[in-house]
Amino acid sequence: MDSAKIVRPAFTVAAAFLVDGARATVARAQGPPSTPIPIAPTSPAAAPEGGGFLVAAALVIGLLLVIGVVVKLYDLRRQREAEAVHLQAQISDAMLRDPSLFGLPVAATAHAPLWSGTPVTIELAGEVPDPGMREAVMRIARSEAQRIRPDVEILDHLTVRLPARVA
């Protein structure tokens, strides 16, 4: 979902509340009171005339700030997930291009944390027939990941499947 589709209606609603609050304050200040109000002695701690409007305006502005922060975090998470999927696809494509690795049941899964300063974690899982193939898979994954992004952490969850002995 586009962040503009969320923020624009929120600003419209907030502006409508602010305008209605301002109109109500002006109308209350201009109109005569409907019932006589007894005059009480004023104290220095008495609330000002437009106090309710200021509280409502502060609440609306605070709500808009919270909505803006949530939208930005959502957009950041979406961008990081897209980056992880791109990295995962590039590593899988690189393994498919190598003829010696072409039918191996190996999967690369990328996990990108929310904050951009932390490295993306790539998990390689599956079975390989010998330790040489394991090293080839790790080498290809590492070189492809370093080509796209320099701060990548690769987790090795590959298992070596030894051939069964025939008696």
C-alpha atoms as a PDB file:
ATOM      1  CA  MET A   1       0.000   0.000   0.000  1.00  0.00           C
ATOM      2  CA  ASP A   2       1.338   3.426  -0.898  1.00  0.00           C
ATOM      3  CA  SER A   3       2.048   5.626   2.104  1.00  0.00           C
ATOM      4  CA  ALA A   4       0.352   8.587   0.388  1.00  0.00           C
ATOM      5  CA  LYS A   5      -2.943   6.669   0.425  1.00  0.00           C
ATOM      6  CA  ILE A   6      -2.773   6.605   4.229  1.00  0.00           C
ATOM      7  CA  VAL A   7      -1.302  10.010   5.014  1.00  0.00           C
ATOM      8  CA  ARG A   8      -3.450  12.220   2.755  1.00  0.00           C
ATOM      9  CA  PRO A   9      -6.816  11.158   4.230  1.00  0.00           C
ATOM     10  CA  ALA A  10      -5.373  11.493   7.740  1.00  0.00           C
ATOM     11  CA  PHE A  11      -4.292  15.069   7.031  1.00  0.00           C
ATOM     12  CA  THR A  12      -7.714  15.826   5.529  1.00  0.00           C
ATOM     13  CA  VAL A  13      -9.514  14.566   8.625  1.00  0.00           C
ATOM     14  CA  ALA A  14      -7.143  16.439  10.913  1.00  0.00           C
ATOM     15  CA  ALA A  15      -7.632  19.665   8.963  1.00  0.00           C
ATOM     16  CA  ALA A  16     -11.415  19.245   9.145  1.00  0.00           C
ATOM     17  CA  PHE A  17     -11.223  18.807  12.938  1.00  0.00           C
ATOM     18  CA  LEU A  18      -9.031  21.877  13.289  1.00  0.00           C
ATOM     19  CA  VAL A  19     -11.322  24.017  11.116  1.00  0.00           C
ATOM     20  CA  ASP A  20     -14.448  22.842  12.960  1.00  0.00           C
ATOM     21  CA  GLY A  21     -12.782  23.537  16.309  1.00  0.00           C
ATOM     22  CA  ALA A  22     -11.770  27.017  15.202  1.00  0.00           C
ATOM     23  CA  ARG A  23     -15.308  27.758  13.949  1.00  0.00           C
ATOM     24  CA  ALA A  24     -16.830  26.573  17.224  1.00  0.00           C
ATOM     25  CA  THR A  25     -14.447  28.736  19.253  1.00  0.00           C
ATOM     26  CA  VAL A  26     -15.178  31.830  17.145  1.00  0.00           C
ATOM     27  CA  ALA A  27     -18.937  31.214  17.265  1.00  0.00           C
ATOM     28  CA  ARG A  28     -18.833  30.766  21.022  1.00  0.00           C
ATOM     29  CA  ALA A  29     -16.863  33.978  21.450  1.00  0.00           C
ATOM     30  CA  GLN A  30     -19.187  36.041  19.206  1.00  0.00           C
ATOM     31  CA  GLY A  31     -22.584  34.758  20.274  1.00  0.00           C
ATOM     32  CA  PRO A  32     -24.442  35.933  23.382  1.00  0.00           C
ATOM     33  CA  PRO A  33     -24.686  33.398  26.188  1.00  0.00           C
ATOM     34  CA  SER A  34     -27.993  31.527  26.228  1.00  0.00           C
ATOM     35  CA  THR A  35     -28.278  31.552  30.011  1.00  0.00           C
ATOM     36  CA  PRO A  36     -26.868  34.067  32.414  1.00  0.00           C
ATOM     37  CA  ILE A  37     -23.639  32.840  33.916  1.00  0.00           C
ATOM     38  CA  PRO A  38     -22.886  33.872  37.468  1.00  0.00           C
ATOM     39  CA  ILE A  39     -19.665  35.800  37.684  1.00  0.00           C
ATOM     40  CA  ALA A  40     -17.200  34.089  39.928  1.00  0.00           C
ATOM     41  CA  PRO A  41     -13.986  35.575  41.174  1.00  0.00           C
ATOM     42  CA  THR A  42     -11.166  34.652  38.810  1.00  0.00           C
ATOM     43  CA  SER A  43      -8.002  33.094  40.032  1.00  0.00           C
ATOM     44  CA  PRO A  44      -4.638  33.074  38.299  1.00  0.00           C
ATOM     45  CA  ALA A  45      -4.959  29.297  37.737  1.00  0.00           C
ATOM     46  CA  ALA A  46      -8.178  29.618  35.676  1.00  0.00           C
ATOM     47  CA  ALA A  47      -8.084  28.002  32.226  1.00  0.00           C
ATOM     48  CA  PRO A  48      -8.028  30.291  29.183  1.00  0.00           C
ATOM     49  CA  GLU A  49     -11.090  30.618  26.923  1.00  0.00           C
ATOM     50  CA  GLY A  50      -9.781  28.466  24.013  1.00  0.00           C
ATOM     51  CA  GLY A  51      -8.196  25.721  26.130  1.00  0.00           C
ATOM     52  CA  GLY A  52     -10.354  22.939  24.692  1.00  0.00           C
ATOM     53  CA  PHE A  53      -9.406  23.874  21.151  1.00  0.00           C
ATOM     54  CA  LEU A  54      -5.712  23.818  21.995  1.00  0.00           C
ATOM     55  CA  VAL A  55      -6.002  20.390  23.582  1.00  0.00           C
ATOM     56  CA  ALA A  56      -7.892  19.046  20.561  1.00  0.00           C
ATOM     57  CA  ALA A  57      -5.358  20.553  18.170  1.00  0.00           C
ATOM     58  CA  ALA A  58      -2.469  19.050  20.152  1.00  0.00           C
ATOM     59  CA  LEU A  59      -4.145  15.634  20.131  1.00  0.00           C
ATOM     60  CA  VAL A  60      -4.728  15.778  16.371  1.00  0.00           C
ATOM     61  CA  ILE A  61      -1.140  16.851  15.700  1.00  0.00           C
ATOM     62  CA  GLY A  62       0.143  14.077  17.986  1.00  0.00           C
ATOM     63  CA  LEU A  63      -2.037  11.554  16.177  1.00  0.00           C
ATOM     64  CA  LEU A  64      -0.691  12.728  12.824  1.00  0.00           C
ATOM     65  CA  LEU A  65       2.866  12.367  14.076  1.00  0.00           C
ATOM     66  CA  VAL A  66       2.187   8.818  15.267  1.00  0.00           C
ATOM     67  CA  ILE A  67       0.577   7.919  11.930  1.00  0.00           C
ATOM     68  CA  GLY A  68       3.553   9.405  10.073  1.00  0.00           C
ATOM     69  CA  VAL A  69       6.054   7.389  12.120  1.00  0.00           C
ATOM     70  CA  VAL A  70       4.075   4.163  11.615  1.00  0.00           C
ATOM     71  CA  VAL A  71       3.871   4.746   7.856  1.00  0.00           C
ATOM     72  CA  LYS A  72       7.617   5.404   7.644  1.00  0.00           C
ATOM     73  CA  LEU A  73       8.418   2.230   9.609  1.00  0.00           C
ATOM     74  CA  TYR A  74       6.089   0.208   7.387  1.00  0.00           C
ATOM     75  CA  ASP A  75       7.750   1.609   4.274  1.00  0.00           C
ATOM     76  CA  LEU A  76      11.219   0.880   5.663  1.00  0.00           C
ATOM     77  CA  ARG A  77      10.248  -2.704   6.460  1.00  0.00           C
ATOM     78  CA  ARG A  78       8.801  -3.174   2.977  1.00  0.00           C
ATOM     79  CA  GLN A  79      11.985  -1.844   1.358  1.00  0.00           C
ATOM     80  CA  ARG A  80      14.211  -4.103   3.468  1.00  0.00           C
ATOM     81  CA  GLU A  81      12.095  -7.155   2.632  1.00  0.00           C
ATOM     82  CA  ALA A  82      12.286  -6.323  -1.073  1.00  0.00           C
ATOM     83  CA  GLU A  83      16.050  -6.024  -0.793  1.00  0.00           C
ATOM     84  CA  ALA A  84      16.265  -9.425   0.939  1.00  0.00           C
ATOM     85  CA  VAL A  85      14.100 -11.084  -1.719  1.00  0.00           C
ATOM     86  CA  HIS A  86      16.288  -9.592  -4.464  1.00  0.00           C
ATOM     87  CA  LEU A  87      19.443 -10.905  -2.789  1.00  0.00           C
ATOM     88  CA  GLN A  88      17.879 -14.329  -2.281  1.00  0.00           C
ATOM     89  CA  ALA A  89      16.833 -14.533  -5.945  1.00  0.00           C
ATOM     90  CA  GLN A  90      20.282 -13.502  -7.183  1.00  0.00           C
ATOM     91  CA  ILE A  91      21.995 -16.201  -5.112  1.00  0.00           C
ATOM     92  CA  SER A  92      19.524 -18.863  -6.270  1.00  0.00           C
ATOM     93  CA  ASP A  93      20.022 -17.814  -9.904  1.00  0.00           C
ATOM     94  CA  ALA A  94      23.809 -17.960  -9.517  1.00  0.00           C
ATOM     95  CA  MET A  95      23.578 -21.526  -8.193  1.00  0.00           C
ATOM     96  CA  LEU A  96      21.293 -22.524 -11.066  1.00  0.00           C
ATOM     97  CA  ARG A  97      23.756 -21.115 -13.617  1.00  0.00           C
ATOM     98  CA  ASP A  98      26.571 -23.367 -12.362  1.00  0.00           C
ATOM     99  CA  PRO A  99      26.237 -26.716 -14.148  1.00  0.00           C
ATOM    100  CA  SER A 100      27.853 -28.702 -11.309  1.00  0.00           C
ATOM    101  CA  LEU A 101      25.294 -27.384  -8.790  1.00  0.00           C
ATOM    102  CA  PHE A 102      22.266 -27.565 -11.080  1.00  0.00           C
ATOM    103  CA  GLY A 103      20.056 -30.233  -9.440  1.00  0.00           C
ATOM    104  CA  LEU A 104      21.153 -29.901  -5.826  1.00  0.00           C
ATOM    105  CA  PRO A 105      18.416 -29.448  -3.246  1.00  0.00           C
ATOM    106  CA  VAL A 106      19.918 -26.259  -1.795  1.00  0.00           C
ATOM    107  CA  ALA A 107      17.858 -23.213  -0.846  1.00  0.00           C
ATOM    108  CA  ALA A 108      19.015 -19.723   0.056  1.00  0.00           C
ATOM    109  CA  THR A 109      16.804 -17.734   2.435  1.00  0.00           C
ATOM    110  CA  ALA A 110      17.584 -14.081   3.182  1.00  0.00           C
ATOM    111  CA  HIS A 111      16.509 -12.240   6.330  1.00  0.00           C
ATOM    112  CA  ALA A 112      16.860  -8.451   6.432  1.00  0.00           C
ATOM    113  CA  PRO A 113      16.498  -6.713   9.792  1.00  0.00           C
ATOM    114  CA  LEU A 114      14.533  -3.475  10.023  1.00  0.00           C
ATOM    115  CA  TRP A 115      17.519  -1.206  10.645  1.00  0.00           C
ATOM    116  CA  SER A 116      19.768  -0.549   7.680  1.00  0.00           C
ATOM    117  CA  GLY A 117      23.054  -0.627   9.633  1.00  0.00           C
ATOM    118  CA  THR A 118      22.777  -4.325  10.452  1.00  0.00           C
ATOM    119  CA  PRO A 119      23.849  -7.023   7.972  1.00  0.00           C
ATOM    120  CA  VAL A 120      21.487  -9.174   5.957  1.00  0.00           C
ATOM    121  CA  THR A 121      21.584 -12.833   6.999  1.00  0.00           C
ATOM    122  CA  ILE A 122      21.508 -15.512   4.302  1.00  0.00           C
ATOM    123  CA  GLU A 123      20.759 -19.049   5.365  1.00  0.00           C
ATOM    124  CA  LEU A 124      21.877 -21.848   3.050  1.00  0.00           C
ATOM    125  CA  ALA A 125      20.073 -25.115   3.745  1.00  0.00           C
ATOM    126  CA  GLY A 126      19.931 -28.440   1.946  1.00  0.00           C
ATOM    127  CA  GLU A 127      22.001 -31.500   1.091  1.00  0.00           C
ATOM    128  CA  VAL A 128      25.166 -31.775  -0.969  1.00  0.00           C
ATOM    129  CA  PRO A 129      26.930 -34.999  -2.039  1.00  0.00           C
ATOM    130  CA  ASP A 130      30.456 -34.134  -0.834  1.00  0.00           C
ATOM    131  CA  PRO A 131      32.456 -31.467   1.025  1.00  0.00           C
ATOM    132  CA  GLY A 132      33.798 -30.074  -2.259  1.00  0.00           C
ATOM    133  CA  MET A 133      30.270 -29.257  -3.402  1.00  0.00           C
ATOM    134  CA  ARG A 134      29.578 -27.672  -0.034  1.00  0.00           C
ATOM    135  CA  GLU A 135      32.543 -25.345  -0.510  1.00  0.00           C
ATOM    136  CA  ALA A 136      31.420 -24.557  -4.068  1.00  0.00           C
ATOM    137  CA  VAL A 137      27.923 -23.625  -2.872  1.00  0.00           C
ATOM    138  CA  MET A 138      29.348 -21.438  -0.097  1.00  0.00           C
ATOM    139  CA  ARG A 139      31.829 -19.776  -2.472  1.00  0.00           C
ATOM    140  CA  ILE A 140      29.161 -18.960  -5.079  1.00  0.00           C
ATOM    141  CA  ALA A 141      26.723 -17.672  -2.457  1.00  0.00           C
ATOM    142  CA  ARG A 142      29.401 -15.530  -0.798  1.00  0.00           C
ATOM    143  CA  SER A 143      30.680 -14.047  -4.069  1.00  0.00           C
ATOM    144  CA  GLU A 144      27.175 -13.263  -5.355  1.00  0.00           C
ATOM    145  CA  ALA A 145      26.144 -11.718  -2.031  1.00  0.00           C
ATOM    146  CA  GLN A 146      29.331  -9.609  -1.843  1.00  0.00           C
ATOM    147  CA  ARG A 147      28.709  -8.392  -5.392  1.00  0.00           C
ATOM    148  CA  ILE A 148      25.285  -7.028  -4.389  1.00  0.00           C
ATOM    149  CA  ARG A 149      25.883  -5.997  -0.806  1.00  0.00           C
ATOM    150  CA  PRO A 150      29.142  -5.904   1.186  1.00  0.00           C
ATOM    151  CA  ASP A 151      27.680  -6.545   4.662  1.00  0.00           C
ATOM    152  CA  VAL A 152      26.203 -10.016   4.348  1.00  0.00           C
ATOM    153  CA  GLU A 153      26.371 -12.804   6.894  1.00  0.00           C
ATOM    154  CA  ILE A 154      26.033 -16.337   5.525  1.00  0.00           C
ATOM    155  CA  LEU A 155      24.809 -19.159   7.777  1.00  0.00           C
ATOM    156  CA  ASP A 156      25.827 -22.644   6.683  1.00  0.00           C
ATOM    157  CA  HIS A 157      23.075 -25.213   7.282  1.00  0.00           C
ATOM    158  CA  LEU A 158      24.212 -27.549   4.505  1.00  0.00           C
ATOM    159  CA  THR A 159      24.552 -31.238   5.228  1.00  0.00           C
ATOM    160  CA  VAL A 160      26.862 -33.619   3.405  1.00  0.00           C
ATOM    161  CA  ARG A 161      25.026 -36.711   2.265  1.00  0.00           C
ATOM    162  CA  LEU A 162      27.496 -39.568   2.118  1.00  0.00           C
ATOM    163  CA  PRO A 163      26.789 -42.250  -0.457  1.00  0.00           C
ATOM    164  CA  ALA A 164      25.381 -45.462   0.948  1.00  0.00           C
ATOM    165  CA  ARG A 165      27.745 -48.438   0.952  1.00  0.00           C
ATOM    166  CA  VAL A 166      26.720 -51.470  -0.980  1.00  0.00           C
ATOM    167  CA  ALA A 167      27.568 -54.738   0.758  1.00  0.00           C
END
